[in-house]
PDB file of all heavy atoms in Angstrom:
ATOM      1  N   PHE A   1      -4.431  11.702 -27.757  1.00  0.00           N
ATOM      2  CA  PHE A   1      -3.046  12.024 -27.386  1.00  0.00           C
ATOM      3  C   PHE A   1      -2.744  11.546 -26.006  1.00  0.00           C
ATOM      4  O   PHE A   1      -1.631  10.947 -25.757  1.00  0.00           O
ATOM      5  CB  PHE A   1      -2.790  13.531 -27.494  1.00  0.00           C
ATOM      6  CG  PHE A   1      -1.384  13.939 -27.550  1.00  0.00           C
ATOM      7  CD1 PHE A   1      -0.708  13.926 -28.695  1.00  0.00           C
ATOM      8  CD2 PHE A   1      -0.711  14.348 -26.425  1.00  0.00           C
ATOM      9  CE1 PHE A   1       0.688  14.299 -28.796  1.00  0.00           C
ATOM     10  CE2 PHE A   1       0.625  14.739 -26.460  1.00  0.00           C
ATOM     11  CZ  PHE A   1       1.318  14.683 -27.621  1.00  0.00           C
ATOM     12  N   GLN A   2      -3.628  11.753 -25.059  1.00  0.00           N
ATOM     13  CA  GLN A   2      -3.459  11.256 -23.693  1.00  0.00           C
ATOM     14  C   GLN A   2      -3.262   9.757 -23.708  1.00  0.00           C
ATOM     15  O   GLN A   2      -2.521   9.222 -22.893  1.00  0.00           O
ATOM     16  CB  GLN A   2      -4.613  11.703 -22.806  1.00  0.00           C
ATOM     17  CG  GLN A   2      -4.716  13.235 -22.625  1.00  0.00           C
ATOM     18  CD  GLN A   2      -3.360  13.784 -22.054  1.00  0.00           C
ATOM     19  OE1 GLN A   2      -2.976  13.300 -20.934  1.00  0.00           O
ATOM     20  NE2 GLN A   2      -2.797  14.726 -22.709  1.00  0.00           N
ATOM     21  N   GLY A   3      -4.038   9.061 -24.596  1.00  0.00           N
ATOM     22  CA  GLY A   3      -3.836   7.606 -24.700  1.00  0.00           C
ATOM     23  C   GLY A   3      -2.455   7.255 -25.202  1.00  0.00           C
ATOM     24  O   GLY A   3      -1.867   6.252 -24.702  1.00  0.00           O
ATOM     25  N   LEU A   4      -1.945   8.024 -26.127  1.00  0.00           N
ATOM     26  CA  LEU A   4      -0.561   7.752 -26.606  1.00  0.00           C
ATOM     27  C   LEU A   4       0.447   7.881 -25.439  1.00  0.00           C
ATOM     28  O   LEU A   4       1.472   7.173 -25.396  1.00  0.00           O
ATOM     29  CB  LEU A   4      -0.155   8.751 -27.686  1.00  0.00           C
ATOM     30  CG  LEU A   4      -0.607   8.408 -29.103  1.00  0.00           C
ATOM     31  CD1 LEU A   4      -0.456   9.633 -30.007  1.00  0.00           C
ATOM     32  CD2 LEU A   4       0.088   7.254 -29.652  1.00  0.00           C
ATOM     33  N   LEU A   5       0.153   8.786 -24.516  1.00  0.00           N
ATOM     34  CA  LEU A   5       1.039   8.969 -23.373  1.00  0.00           C
ATOM     35  C   LEU A   5       0.776   7.947 -22.263  1.00  0.00           C
ATOM     36  O   LEU A   5       1.334   8.088 -21.167  1.00  0.00           O
ATOM     37  CB  LEU A   5       0.840  10.403 -22.806  1.00  0.00           C
ATOM     38  CG  LEU A   5       1.173  11.528 -23.719  1.00  0.00           C
ATOM     39  CD1 LEU A   5       0.789  12.839 -23.063  1.00  0.00           C
ATOM     40  CD2 LEU A   5       2.639  11.520 -24.099  1.00  0.00           C
ATOM     41  N   GLY A   6      -0.105   6.972 -22.533  1.00  0.00           N
ATOM     42  CA  GLY A   6      -0.347   5.971 -21.476  1.00  0.00           C
ATOM     43  C   GLY A   6      -1.327   6.468 -20.431  1.00  0.00           C
ATOM     44  O   GLY A   6      -1.406   5.904 -19.349  1.00  0.00           O
ATOM     45  N   GLY A   7      -2.069   7.529 -20.793  1.00  0.00           N
ATOM     46  CA  GLY A   7      -3.001   8.125 -19.781  1.00  0.00           C
ATOM     47  C   GLY A   7      -2.366   8.982 -18.778  1.00  0.00           C
ATOM     48  O   GLY A   7      -3.066   9.551 -17.932  1.00  0.00           O
ATOM     49  N   ALA A   8      -1.035   9.144 -18.793  1.00  0.00           N
ATOM     50  CA  ALA A   8      -0.349   9.950 -17.806  1.00  0.00           C
ATOM     51  C   ALA A   8      -0.353  11.435 -18.151  1.00  0.00           C
ATOM     52  O   ALA A   8      -0.365  11.798 -19.368  1.00  0.00           O
ATOM     53  CB  ALA A   8       1.098   9.499 -17.693  1.00  0.00           C
ATOM     54  N   ALA A   9      -0.305  12.299 -17.198  1.00  0.00           N
ATOM     55  CA  ALA A   9      -0.229  13.746 -17.422  1.00  0.00           C
ATOM     56  C   ALA A   9       0.617  14.371 -16.323  1.00  0.00           C
ATOM     57  O   ALA A   9       0.678  13.957 -15.219  1.00  0.00           O
ATOM     58  CB  ALA A   9      -1.614  14.332 -17.404  1.00  0.00           C
ATOM     59  N   PHE A  10       1.303  15.424 -16.769  1.00  0.00           N
ATOM     60  CA  PHE A  10       2.158  16.226 -15.864  1.00  0.00           C
ATOM     61  C   PHE A  10       1.306  16.967 -14.860  1.00  0.00           C
ATOM     62  O   PHE A  10       0.255  17.558 -15.217  1.00  0.00           O
ATOM     63  CB  PHE A  10       2.917  17.256 -16.743  1.00  0.00           C
ATOM     64  CG  PHE A  10       3.592  18.336 -15.882  1.00  0.00           C
ATOM     65  CD1 PHE A  10       4.740  18.070 -15.141  1.00  0.00           C
ATOM     66  CD2 PHE A  10       3.031  19.618 -15.788  1.00  0.00           C
ATOM     67  CE1 PHE A  10       5.360  19.023 -14.369  1.00  0.00           C
ATOM     68  CE2 PHE A  10       3.633  20.570 -15.021  1.00  0.00           C
ATOM     69  CZ  PHE A  10       4.801  20.309 -14.343  1.00  0.00           C
ATOM     70  N   TYR A  11       1.670  16.924 -13.591  1.00  0.00           N
ATOM     71  CA  TYR A  11       1.031  17.722 -12.535  1.00  0.00           C
ATOM     72  C   TYR A  11       1.927  18.776 -12.093  1.00  0.00           C
ATOM     73  O   TYR A  11       1.612  19.920 -12.109  1.00  0.00           O
ATOM     74  CB  TYR A  11       0.587  16.799 -11.377  1.00  0.00           C
ATOM     75  CG  TYR A  11      -0.208  17.548 -10.325  1.00  0.00           C
ATOM     76  CD1 TYR A  11      -1.559  17.691 -10.427  1.00  0.00           C
ATOM     77  CD2 TYR A  11       0.449  18.090  -9.217  1.00  0.00           C
ATOM     78  CE1 TYR A  11      -2.302  18.417  -9.504  1.00  0.00           C
ATOM     79  CE2 TYR A  11      -0.251  18.781  -8.275  1.00  0.00           C
ATOM     80  CZ  TYR A  11      -1.604  18.951  -8.391  1.00  0.00           C
ATOM     81  OH  TYR A  11      -2.332  19.647  -7.439  1.00  0.00           O
ATOM     82  N   ASP A  12       3.129  18.370 -11.543  1.00  0.00           N
ATOM     83  CA  ASP A  12       4.109  19.354 -11.185  1.00  0.00           C
ATOM     84  C   ASP A  12       5.451  18.635 -10.958  1.00  0.00           C
ATOM     85  O   ASP A  12       5.588  17.491 -11.226  1.00  0.00           O
ATOM     86  CB  ASP A  12       3.684  20.131  -9.884  1.00  0.00           C
ATOM     87  CG  ASP A  12       3.728  19.361  -8.583  1.00  0.00           C
ATOM     88  OD1 ASP A  12       4.099  18.163  -8.627  1.00  0.00           O
ATOM     89  OD2 ASP A  12       3.411  19.923  -7.549  1.00  0.00           O
ATOM     90  N   HIS A  13       6.442  19.439 -10.559  1.00  0.00           N
ATOM     91  CA  HIS A  13       7.754  18.895 -10.201  1.00  0.00           C
ATOM     92  C   HIS A  13       8.414  19.806  -9.219  1.00  0.00           C
ATOM     93  O   HIS A  13       8.023  20.971  -9.061  1.00  0.00           O
ATOM     94  CB  HIS A  13       8.617  18.755 -11.465  1.00  0.00           C
ATOM     95  CG  HIS A  13       8.931  20.041 -12.147  1.00  0.00           C
ATOM     96  ND1 HIS A  13       9.815  20.972 -11.686  1.00  0.00           N
ATOM     97  CD2 HIS A  13       8.375  20.577 -13.266  1.00  0.00           C
ATOM     98  CE1 HIS A  13       9.872  22.053 -12.478  1.00  0.00           C
ATOM     99  NE2 HIS A  13       8.938  21.819 -13.424  1.00  0.00           N
ATOM    100  N   GLY A  14       9.394  19.295  -8.537  1.00  0.00           N
ATOM    101  CA  GLY A  14      10.194  20.124  -7.616  1.00  0.00           C
ATOM    102  C   GLY A  14      11.415  20.638  -8.372  1.00  0.00           C
ATOM    103  O   GLY A  14      11.456  20.606  -9.610  1.00  0.00           O
ATOM    104  N   PRO A  15      12.403  21.097  -7.634  1.00  0.00           N
ATOM    105  CA  PRO A  15      13.617  21.572  -8.263  1.00  0.00           C
ATOM    106  C   PRO A  15      14.330  20.460  -9.039  1.00  0.00           C
ATOM    107  O   PRO A  15      14.192  19.259  -8.693  1.00  0.00           O
ATOM    108  CB  PRO A  15      14.430  22.149  -7.125  1.00  0.00           C
ATOM    109  CG  PRO A  15      13.934  21.374  -5.945  1.00  0.00           C
ATOM    110  CD  PRO A  15      12.512  21.145  -6.155  1.00  0.00           C
ATOM    111  N   SER A  16      15.105  20.845 -10.003  1.00  0.00           N
ATOM    112  CA  SER A  16      15.951  19.823 -10.659  1.00  0.00           C
ATOM    113  C   SER A  16      16.957  19.300  -9.602  1.00  0.00           C
ATOM    114  O   SER A  16      17.581  20.073  -8.933  1.00  0.00           O
ATOM    115  CB  SER A  16      16.680  20.494 -11.831  1.00  0.00           C
ATOM    116  OG  SER A  16      17.345  19.517 -12.588  1.00  0.00           O
ATOM    117  N   ARG A  17      17.047  17.990  -9.534  1.00  0.00           N
ATOM    118  CA  ARG A  17      17.862  17.396  -8.482  1.00  0.00           C
ATOM    119  C   ARG A  17      18.302  16.013  -8.896  1.00  0.00           C
ATOM    120  O   ARG A  17      17.741  15.413  -9.793  1.00  0.00           O
ATOM    121  CB  ARG A  17      17.130  17.372  -7.150  1.00  0.00           C
ATOM    122  CG  ARG A  17      15.838  16.529  -7.190  1.00  0.00           C
ATOM    123  CD  ARG A  17      14.853  17.044  -6.156  1.00  0.00           C
ATOM    124  NE  ARG A  17      13.676  16.304  -6.080  1.00  0.00           N
ATOM    125  CZ  ARG A  17      12.551  16.459  -6.850  1.00  0.00           C
ATOM    126  NH1 ARG A  17      12.607  17.395  -7.793  1.00  0.00           N
ATOM    127  NH2 ARG A  17      11.487  15.785  -6.634  1.00  0.00           N
ATOM    128  N   ASN A  18      19.306  15.527  -8.179  1.00  0.00           N
ATOM    129  CA  ASN A  18      19.768  14.185  -8.401  1.00  0.00           C
ATOM    130  C   ASN A  18      18.765  13.135  -7.894  1.00  0.00           C
ATOM    131  O   ASN A  18      18.143  13.329  -6.849  1.00  0.00           O
ATOM    132  CB  ASN A  18      21.154  13.911  -7.753  1.00  0.00           C
ATOM    133  CG  ASN A  18      22.273  14.488  -8.561  1.00  0.00           C
ATOM    134  OD1 ASN A  18      22.288  14.406  -9.773  1.00  0.00           O
ATOM    135  ND2 ASN A  18      23.209  15.117  -7.868  1.00  0.00           N
ATOM    136  N   GLY A  19      18.674  12.031  -8.592  1.00  0.00           N
ATOM    137  CA  GLY A  19      17.892  10.914  -8.192  1.00  0.00           C
ATOM    138  C   GLY A  19      18.484   9.668  -8.841  1.00  0.00           C
ATOM    139  O   GLY A  19      19.214   9.756  -9.814  1.00  0.00           O
ATOM    140  N   VAL A  20      18.234   8.530  -8.254  1.00  0.00           N
ATOM    141  CA  VAL A  20      18.734   7.273  -8.836  1.00  0.00           C
ATOM    142  C   VAL A  20      17.648   6.640  -9.658  1.00  0.00           C
ATOM    143  O   VAL A  20      16.587   6.348  -9.164  1.00  0.00           O
ATOM    144  CB  VAL A  20      19.230   6.280  -7.699  1.00  0.00           C
ATOM    145  CG1 VAL A  20      19.558   4.933  -8.306  1.00  0.00           C
ATOM    146  CG2 VAL A  20      20.394   6.917  -6.934  1.00  0.00           C
ATOM    147  N   VAL A  21      17.971   6.483 -10.946  1.00  0.00           N
ATOM    148  CA  VAL A  21      17.028   5.849 -11.883  1.00  0.00           C
ATOM    149  C   VAL A  21      17.352   4.378 -11.924  1.00  0.00           C
ATOM    150  O   VAL A  21      18.520   3.989 -11.984  1.00  0.00           O
ATOM    151  CB  VAL A  21      17.163   6.494 -13.284  1.00  0.00           C
ATOM    152  CG1 VAL A  21      16.312   5.741 -14.327  1.00  0.00           C
ATOM    153  CG2 VAL A  21      16.795   7.964 -13.226  1.00  0.00           C
ATOM    154  N   GLU A  22      16.310   3.556 -11.951  1.00  0.00           N
ATOM    155  CA  GLU A  22      16.464   2.126 -11.943  1.00  0.00           C
ATOM    156  C   GLU A  22      15.747   1.492 -13.129  1.00  0.00           C
ATOM    157  O   GLU A  22      14.633   1.813 -13.395  1.00  0.00           O
ATOM    158  CB  GLU A  22      15.951   1.549 -10.619  1.00  0.00           C
ATOM    159  CG  GLU A  22      16.202   0.047 -10.489  1.00  0.00           C
ATOM    160  CD  GLU A  22      15.902  -0.476  -9.105  1.00  0.00           C
ATOM    161  OE1 GLU A  22      15.336   0.315  -8.278  1.00  0.00           O
ATOM    162  OE2 GLU A  22      16.194  -1.626  -8.827  1.00  0.00           O
ATOM    163  N   ARG A  23      16.461   0.628 -13.831  1.00  0.00           N
ATOM    164  CA  ARG A  23      15.800  -0.134 -14.937  1.00  0.00           C
ATOM    165  C   ARG A  23      14.766  -1.117 -14.376  1.00  0.00           C
ATOM    166  O   ARG A  23      15.036  -1.752 -13.393  1.00  0.00           O
ATOM    167  CB  ARG A  23      16.862  -0.935 -15.697  1.00  0.00           C
ATOM    168  CG  ARG A  23      17.864  -0.148 -16.448  1.00  0.00           C
ATOM    169  CD  ARG A  23      18.764  -0.999 -17.304  1.00  0.00           C
ATOM    170  NE  ARG A  23      19.447  -2.015 -16.573  1.00  0.00           N
ATOM    171  CZ  ARG A  23      19.652  -3.229 -16.988  1.00  0.00           C
ATOM    172  NH1 ARG A  23      19.205  -3.700 -18.083  1.00  0.00           N
ATOM    173  NH2 ARG A  23      20.272  -4.122 -16.233  1.00  0.00           N
ATOM    174  N   THR A  24      13.609  -1.180 -15.007  1.00  0.00           N
ATOM    175  CA  THR A  24      12.668  -2.209 -14.624  1.00  0.00           C
ATOM    176  C   THR A  24      12.454  -3.197 -15.784  1.00  0.00           C
ATOM    177  O   THR A  24      11.626  -4.128 -15.684  1.00  0.00           O
ATOM    178  CB  THR A  24      11.284  -1.548 -14.282  1.00  0.00           C
ATOM    179  OG1 THR A  24      10.861  -0.747 -15.418  1.00  0.00           O
ATOM    180  CG2 THR A  24      11.395  -0.691 -13.095  1.00  0.00           C
ATOM    181  N   SER A  25      13.239  -3.048 -16.805  1.00  0.00           N
ATOM    182  CA  SER A  25      13.242  -3.969 -17.919  1.00  0.00           C
ATOM    183  C   SER A  25      14.741  -4.416 -18.095  1.00  0.00           C
ATOM    184  O   SER A  25      15.664  -3.686 -17.861  1.00  0.00           O
ATOM    185  CB  SER A  25      12.821  -3.316 -19.215  1.00  0.00           C
ATOM    186  OG  SER A  25      13.179  -4.093 -20.397  1.00  0.00           O
ATOM    187  N   ARG A  26      14.893  -5.653 -18.542  1.00  0.00           N
ATOM    188  CA  ARG A  26      16.249  -6.137 -18.747  1.00  0.00           C
ATOM    189  C   ARG A  26      16.631  -6.094 -20.239  1.00  0.00           C
ATOM    190  O   ARG A  26      17.822  -6.027 -20.592  1.00  0.00           O
ATOM    191  CB  ARG A  26      16.378  -7.619 -18.255  1.00  0.00           C
ATOM    192  CG  ARG A  26      16.276  -7.778 -16.784  1.00  0.00           C
ATOM    193  CD  ARG A  26      16.413  -9.226 -16.351  1.00  0.00           C
ATOM    194  NE  ARG A  26      15.275 -10.037 -16.902  1.00  0.00           N
ATOM    195  CZ  ARG A  26      15.467 -11.004 -17.830  1.00  0.00           C
ATOM    196  NH1 ARG A  26      16.622 -11.281 -18.316  1.00  0.00           N
ATOM    197  NH2 ARG A  26      14.399 -11.666 -18.248  1.00  0.00           N
ATOM    198  N   ARG A  27      15.591  -6.178 -21.168  1.00  0.00           N
ATOM    199  CA  ARG A  27      15.935  -6.368 -22.560  1.00  0.00           C
ATOM    200  C   ARG A  27      15.506  -5.284 -23.473  1.00  0.00           C
ATOM    201  O   ARG A  27      15.892  -5.267 -24.651  1.00  0.00           O
ATOM    202  CB  ARG A  27      15.249  -7.685 -23.010  1.00  0.00           C
ATOM    203  CG  ARG A  27      15.747  -8.906 -22.252  1.00  0.00           C
ATOM    204  CD  ARG A  27      15.158 -10.161 -22.804  1.00  0.00           C
ATOM    205  NE  ARG A  27      13.693 -10.096 -22.821  1.00  0.00           N
ATOM    206  CZ  ARG A  27      12.937 -10.692 -23.732  1.00  0.00           C
ATOM    207  NH1 ARG A  27      13.444 -11.336 -24.758  1.00  0.00           N
ATOM    208  NH2 ARG A  27      11.592 -10.575 -23.674  1.00  0.00           N
TER     209      ARG A  27
END
């Protein structure tokens, strides 16, 4: 399952807040 997630895992997060999301793919 961790492989399906790309090896990534949740550690923590701060408060819900605004951020600017940027595309790194065009297509």
